[in-house]
Amino acid sequence: MLALQGFGGVVAVVQRELVEKKQWLTREEFVENWAVAQILPGPNVVNLSLMIGDRHFGTRGALAALSGMLLFPLIIVLLLVALFSGVSELPRVQQSLQGMGAIAAGLITATGLKLMPAIRKNPMGMTACWSLALLTFVAIALLHLPLAWVLLLVGSPACAWAWFCLRRFDARAPAQEAP
């Protein structure tokens, strides 16, 4: 059902279904899993579905999640391509696509706002998280740097800081005794 509810930026739909409706994940778990899904190659939502399917049902669950995320959207996209090829140059169609882009951006922004409370529990700290978000915004939106440069200049130090903070967080966590 998730694959059929969104096209493009589906993070809003996925977050609502998995966290708010089904309650399969907490906000914090969703943010962590979504972060991992984003750095893996391929579509984020497919990566997330693979991780959840594997976690709960093993390899069969991962394969079921993958086929569920790809089969019906593939059929729909093929049908849309066949239909769209005849009308793609019409001004109304072009305007509709621009409007859909604005709607998708609004949904992604709203989801980001909903997930902000999860930052409070991030081991990197709120100051670092907000600073990195601001740096990323400035680099992409204002300076128009290519994504590869932003990942190198902002992402690399962010990964190093996250690694340092997680090591420090793990060192403070009490050691669990073996049963």
C-alpha atoms as a PDB file:
ATOM      1  CA  MET A   1       0.000   0.000   0.000  1.00  0.00           C
ATOM      2  CA  LEU A   2       2.882   2.390   0.721  1.00  0.00           C
ATOM      3  CA  ALA A   3       4.198   2.049  -2.806  1.00  0.00           C
ATOM      4  CA  LEU A   4       0.826   3.071  -4.245  1.00  0.00           C
ATOM      5  CA  GLN A   5       0.286   6.047  -1.909  1.00  0.00           C
ATOM      6  CA  GLY A   6       3.198   8.164  -2.962  1.00  0.00           C
ATOM      7  CA  PHE A   7       5.290   8.981  -5.973  1.00  0.00           C
ATOM      8  CA  GLY A   8       8.639  10.634  -5.486  1.00  0.00           C
ATOM      9  CA  GLY A   9       9.163  12.040  -1.979  1.00  0.00           C
ATOM     10  CA  VAL A  10       7.152   9.473  -0.017  1.00  0.00           C
ATOM     11  CA  VAL A  11       8.800  10.103   3.342  1.00  0.00           C
ATOM     12  CA  ALA A  12       5.661  11.824   4.626  1.00  0.00           C
ATOM     13  CA  VAL A  13       3.450   8.868   3.737  1.00  0.00           C
ATOM     14  CA  VAL A  14       5.929   6.303   5.066  1.00  0.00           C
ATOM     15  CA  GLN A  15       6.435   8.153   8.360  1.00  0.00           C
ATOM     16  CA  ARG A  16       2.680   8.514   8.911  1.00  0.00           C
ATOM     17  CA  GLU A  17       2.013   4.836   8.179  1.00  0.00           C
ATOM     18  CA  LEU A  18       4.931   3.273  10.060  1.00  0.00           C
ATOM     19  CA  VAL A  19       5.096   5.613  13.071  1.00  0.00           C
ATOM     20  CA  GLU A  20       1.669   7.138  13.571  1.00  0.00           C
ATOM     21  CA  LYS A  21      -0.799   4.573  12.204  1.00  0.00           C
ATOM     22  CA  LYS A  22       0.835   1.142  12.479  1.00  0.00           C
ATOM     23  CA  GLN A  23       3.241   2.120  15.284  1.00  0.00           C
ATOM     24  CA  TRP A  24       5.813  -0.358  13.997  1.00  0.00           C
ATOM     25  CA  LEU A  25       8.577   2.164  14.723  1.00  0.00           C
ATOM     26  CA  THR A  26       9.059   5.035  17.147  1.00  0.00           C
ATOM     27  CA  ARG A  27      10.027   8.453  15.762  1.00  0.00           C
ATOM     28  CA  GLU A  28      13.614   7.865  16.814  1.00  0.00           C
ATOM     29  CA  GLU A  29      13.729   4.411  15.197  1.00  0.00           C
ATOM     30  CA  PHE A  30      12.210   5.834  12.023  1.00  0.00           C
ATOM     31  CA  VAL A  31      14.781   8.648  11.853  1.00  0.00           C
ATOM     32  CA  GLU A  32      17.645   6.183  12.405  1.00  0.00           C
ATOM     33  CA  ASN A  33      16.347   3.679   9.847  1.00  0.00           C
ATOM     34  CA  TRP A  34      15.557   6.415   7.325  1.00  0.00           C
ATOM     35  CA  ALA A  35      19.099   7.780   7.686  1.00  0.00           C
ATOM     36  CA  VAL A  36      20.536   4.348   6.924  1.00  0.00           C
ATOM     37  CA  ALA A  37      18.100   3.900   4.016  1.00  0.00           C
ATOM     38  CA  GLN A  38      19.280   7.210   2.539  1.00  0.00           C
ATOM     39  CA  ILE A  39      22.954   6.299   2.460  1.00  0.00           C
ATOM     40  CA  LEU A  40      22.368   2.912   0.844  1.00  0.00           C
ATOM     41  CA  PRO A  41      22.247   2.822  -2.959  1.00  0.00           C
ATOM     42  CA  GLY A  42      18.762   2.792  -4.426  1.00  0.00           C
ATOM     43  CA  PRO A  43      15.432   4.364  -3.532  1.00  0.00           C
ATOM     44  CA  ASN A  44      15.161   5.255   0.169  1.00  0.00           C
ATOM     45  CA  VAL A  45      11.720   3.765   0.722  1.00  0.00           C
ATOM     46  CA  VAL A  46      12.731   0.491  -0.943  1.00  0.00           C
ATOM     47  CA  ASN A  47      15.798   0.300   1.287  1.00  0.00           C
ATOM     48  CA  LEU A  48      13.639   0.954   4.346  1.00  0.00           C
ATOM     49  CA  SER A  49      11.145  -1.720   3.340  1.00  0.00           C
ATOM     50  CA  LEU A  50      13.970  -4.215   2.858  1.00  0.00           C
ATOM     51  CA  MET A  51      15.356  -3.445   6.327  1.00  0.00           C
ATOM     52  CA  ILE A  52      11.958  -3.783   8.029  1.00  0.00           C
ATOM     53  CA  GLY A  53      11.029  -6.910   6.070  1.00  0.00           C
ATOM     54  CA  ASP A  54      14.356  -8.530   6.926  1.00  0.00           C
ATOM     55  CA  ARG A  55      14.185  -7.523  10.592  1.00  0.00           C
ATOM     56  CA  HIS A  56      10.750  -9.050  11.145  1.00  0.00           C
ATOM     57  CA  PHE A  57      10.612 -11.941   8.651  1.00  0.00           C
ATOM     58  CA  GLY A  58      14.155 -12.609   7.441  1.00  0.00           C
ATOM     59  CA  THR A  59      15.065 -13.025   3.788  1.00  0.00           C
ATOM     60  CA  ARG A  60      11.519 -13.934   2.759  1.00  0.00           C
ATOM     61  CA  GLY A  61      10.212 -10.765   4.391  1.00  0.00           C
ATOM     62  CA  ALA A  62      12.841  -8.654   2.636  1.00  0.00           C
ATOM     63  CA  LEU A  63      11.950 -10.183  -0.736  1.00  0.00           C
ATOM     64  CA  ALA A  64       8.212  -9.749  -0.104  1.00  0.00           C
ATOM     65  CA  ALA A  65       8.789  -6.107   0.861  1.00  0.00           C
ATOM     66  CA  LEU A  66      10.914  -5.539  -2.238  1.00  0.00           C
ATOM     67  CA  SER A  67       8.360  -7.053  -4.599  1.00  0.00           C
ATOM     68  CA  GLY A  68       5.558  -5.147  -2.886  1.00  0.00           C
ATOM     69  CA  MET A  69       7.416  -1.865  -3.278  1.00  0.00           C
ATOM     70  CA  LEU A  70       8.321  -2.413  -6.938  1.00  0.00           C
ATOM     71  CA  LEU A  71       5.703  -4.519  -8.739  1.00  0.00           C
ATOM     72  CA  PHE A  72       2.584  -2.325  -8.743  1.00  0.00           C
ATOM     73  CA  PRO A  73       4.434   0.992  -9.129  1.00  0.00           C
ATOM     74  CA  LEU A  74       6.297  -0.504 -12.105  1.00  0.00           C
ATOM     75  CA  ILE A  75       3.014  -1.435 -13.790  1.00  0.00           C
ATOM     76  CA  ILE A  76       1.546   2.009 -13.089  1.00  0.00           C
ATOM     77  CA  VAL A  77       4.632   3.850 -14.357  1.00  0.00           C
ATOM     78  CA  LEU A  78       4.660   1.842 -17.562  1.00  0.00           C
ATOM     79  CA  LEU A  79       0.989   2.704 -18.137  1.00  0.00           C
ATOM     80  CA  LEU A  80       1.628   6.382 -17.355  1.00  0.00           C
ATOM     81  CA  VAL A  81       4.557   6.519 -19.778  1.00  0.00           C
ATOM     82  CA  ALA A  82       2.362   5.129 -22.521  1.00  0.00           C
ATOM     83  CA  LEU A  83      -0.367   7.691 -21.766  1.00  0.00           C
ATOM     84  CA  PHE A  84       1.944  10.652 -21.054  1.00  0.00           C
ATOM     85  CA  SER A  85       3.955  10.405 -24.262  1.00  0.00           C
ATOM     86  CA  GLY A  86       1.070  11.882 -26.243  1.00  0.00           C
ATOM     87  CA  VAL A  87       0.371  14.867 -23.981  1.00  0.00           C
ATOM     88  CA  SER A  88       3.719  15.718 -22.387  1.00  0.00           C
ATOM     89  CA  GLU A  89       4.157  18.969 -24.325  1.00  0.00           C
ATOM     90  CA  LEU A  90       0.794  20.486 -23.391  1.00  0.00           C
ATOM     91  CA  PRO A  91       1.103  23.578 -21.143  1.00  0.00           C
ATOM     92  CA  ARG A  92      -1.534  22.309 -18.679  1.00  0.00           C
ATOM     93  CA  VAL A  93       0.385  19.081 -18.192  1.00  0.00           C
ATOM     94  CA  GLN A  94       3.628  20.991 -17.591  1.00  0.00           C
ATOM     95  CA  GLN A  95       1.886  23.266 -15.048  1.00  0.00           C
ATOM     96  CA  SER A  96       0.351  20.255 -13.283  1.00  0.00           C
ATOM     97  CA  LEU A  97       3.760  18.661 -12.890  1.00  0.00           C
ATOM     98  CA  GLN A  98       5.166  21.880 -11.411  1.00  0.00           C
ATOM     99  CA  GLY A  99       2.272  21.990  -8.931  1.00  0.00           C
ATOM    100  CA  MET A 100       2.921  18.384  -7.905  1.00  0.00           C
ATOM    101  CA  GLY A 101       6.537  19.287  -7.216  1.00  0.00           C
ATOM    102  CA  ALA A 102       5.455  22.073  -4.848  1.00  0.00           C
ATOM    103  CA  ILE A 103       3.068  19.707  -3.065  1.00  0.00           C
ATOM    104  CA  ALA A 104       5.817  17.102  -2.629  1.00  0.00           C
ATOM    105  CA  ALA A 105       8.152  19.759  -1.200  1.00  0.00           C
ATOM    106  CA  GLY A 106       5.459  20.815   1.280  1.00  0.00           C
ATOM    107  CA  LEU A 107       4.876  17.219   2.399  1.00  0.00           C
ATOM    108  CA  ILE A 108       8.586  16.649   2.938  1.00  0.00           C
ATOM    109  CA  THR A 109       8.856  19.897   4.926  1.00  0.00           C
ATOM    110  CA  ALA A 110       5.868  18.952   7.102  1.00  0.00           C
ATOM    111  CA  THR A 111       7.375  15.540   7.807  1.00  0.00           C
ATOM    112  CA  GLY A 112      10.678  17.131   8.757  1.00  0.00           C
ATOM    113  CA  LEU A 113       8.850  19.365  11.216  1.00  0.00           C
ATOM    114  CA  LYS A 114       7.043  16.354  12.720  1.00  0.00           C
ATOM    115  CA  LEU A 115      10.315  14.476  13.175  1.00  0.00           C
ATOM    116  CA  MET A 116      12.220  17.366  14.797  1.00  0.00           C
ATOM    117  CA  PRO A 117      11.523  16.175  18.365  1.00  0.00           C
ATOM    118  CA  ALA A 118      13.615  13.068  17.598  1.00  0.00           C
ATOM    119  CA  ILE A 119      16.695  15.322  17.370  1.00  0.00           C
ATOM    120  CA  ARG A 120      16.557  15.881  21.137  1.00  0.00           C
ATOM    121  CA  LYS A 121      17.707  12.301  21.720  1.00  0.00           C
ATOM    122  CA  ASN A 122      20.423  12.351  19.054  1.00  0.00           C
ATOM    123  CA  PRO A 123      23.878  11.652  20.550  1.00  0.00           C
ATOM    124  CA  MET A 124      25.384  14.413  18.372  1.00  0.00           C
ATOM    125  CA  GLY A 125      23.402  17.051  20.241  1.00  0.00           C
ATOM    126  CA  MET A 126      20.874  19.567  19.012  1.00  0.00           C
ATOM    127  CA  THR A 127      23.444  22.285  18.327  1.00  0.00           C
ATOM    128  CA  ALA A 128      25.432  20.051  15.980  1.00  0.00           C
ATOM    129  CA  CYS A 129      22.283  18.791  14.231  1.00  0.00           C
ATOM    130  CA  TRP A 130      20.921  22.291  13.644  1.00  0.00           C
ATOM    131  CA  SER A 131      24.343  23.583  12.562  1.00  0.00           C
ATOM    132  CA  LEU A 132      24.695  20.792  10.027  1.00  0.00           C
ATOM    133  CA  ALA A 133      21.172  21.390   8.725  1.00  0.00           C
ATOM    134  CA  LEU A 134      21.892  25.115   8.361  1.00  0.00           C
ATOM    135  CA  LEU A 135      25.229  24.494   6.639  1.00  0.00           C
ATOM    136  CA  THR A 136      23.577  22.080   4.228  1.00  0.00           C
ATOM    137  CA  PHE A 137      20.791  24.559   3.450  1.00  0.00           C
ATOM    138  CA  VAL A 138      23.261  27.391   2.835  1.00  0.00           C
ATOM    139  CA  ALA A 139      25.483  25.217   0.651  1.00  0.00           C
ATOM    140  CA  ILE A 140      22.651  23.912  -1.516  1.00  0.00           C
ATOM    141  CA  ALA A 141      19.997  26.637  -1.551  1.00  0.00           C
ATOM    142  CA  LEU A 142      22.118  29.791  -1.349  1.00  0.00           C
ATOM    143  CA  LEU A 143      25.529  28.847  -2.712  1.00  0.00           C
ATOM    144  CA  HIS A 144      24.156  26.315  -5.243  1.00  0.00           C
ATOM    145  CA  LEU A 145      27.009  23.905  -4.599  1.00  0.00           C
ATOM    146  CA  PRO A 146      26.732  20.516  -6.297  1.00  0.00           C
ATOM    147  CA  LEU A 147      25.526  17.725  -4.025  1.00  0.00           C
ATOM    148  CA  ALA A 148      28.847  15.881  -4.299  1.00  0.00           C
ATOM    149  CA  TRP A 149      30.678  18.898  -2.825  1.00  0.00           C
ATOM    150  CA  VAL A 150      28.107  19.314  -0.064  1.00  0.00           C
ATOM    151  CA  LEU A 151      28.477  15.653   0.864  1.00  0.00           C
ATOM    152  CA  LEU A 152      32.254  16.030   0.915  1.00  0.00           C
ATOM    153  CA  LEU A 153      32.427  19.370   2.754  1.00  0.00           C
ATOM    154  CA  VAL A 154      29.530  18.929   5.194  1.00  0.00           C
ATOM    155  CA  GLY A 155      28.812  15.205   5.158  1.00  0.00           C
ATOM    156  CA  SER A 156      32.347  14.012   5.872  1.00  0.00           C
ATOM    157  CA  PRO A 157      32.848  16.112   9.021  1.00  0.00           C
ATOM    158  CA  ALA A 158      29.273  15.213  10.066  1.00  0.00           C
ATOM    159  CA  CYS A 159      30.055  11.505   9.777  1.00  0.00           C
ATOM    160  CA  ALA A 160      33.259  11.955  11.758  1.00  0.00           C
ATOM    161  CA  TRP A 161      31.417  13.891  14.482  1.00  0.00           C
ATOM    162  CA  ALA A 162      28.632  11.275  14.597  1.00  0.00           C
ATOM    163  CA  TRP A 163      31.219   8.499  14.920  1.00  0.00           C
ATOM    164  CA  PHE A 164      32.946  10.364  17.763  1.00  0.00           C
ATOM    165  CA  CYS A 165      29.653  11.044  19.566  1.00  0.00           C
ATOM    166  CA  LEU A 166      28.429   7.466  19.186  1.00  0.00           C
ATOM    167  CA  ARG A 167      31.700   6.094  20.576  1.00  0.00           C
ATOM    168  CA  ARG A 168      31.433   8.469  23.512  1.00  0.00           C
ATOM    169  CA  PHE A 169      27.743   7.523  23.968  1.00  0.00           C
ATOM    170  CA  ASP A 170      28.583   3.792  23.865  1.00  0.00           C
ATOM    171  CA  ALA A 171      31.397   4.263  26.374  1.00  0.00           C
ATOM    172  CA  ARG A 172      28.968   5.916  28.832  1.00  0.00           C
ATOM    173  CA  ALA A 173      26.271   3.254  28.419  1.00  0.00           C
ATOM    174  CA  PRO A 174      26.359   0.675  31.176  1.00  0.00           C
ATOM    175  CA  ALA A 175      27.760  -2.669  30.100  1.00  0.00           C
ATOM    176  CA  GLN A 176      25.085  -5.325  29.977  1.00  0.00           C
ATOM    177  CA  GLU A 177      25.830  -8.581  31.677  1.00  0.00           C
ATOM    178  CA  ALA A 178      25.541 -11.825  29.771  1.00  0.00           C
ATOM    179  CA  PRO A 179      22.742 -14.108  31.022  1.00  0.00           C
END
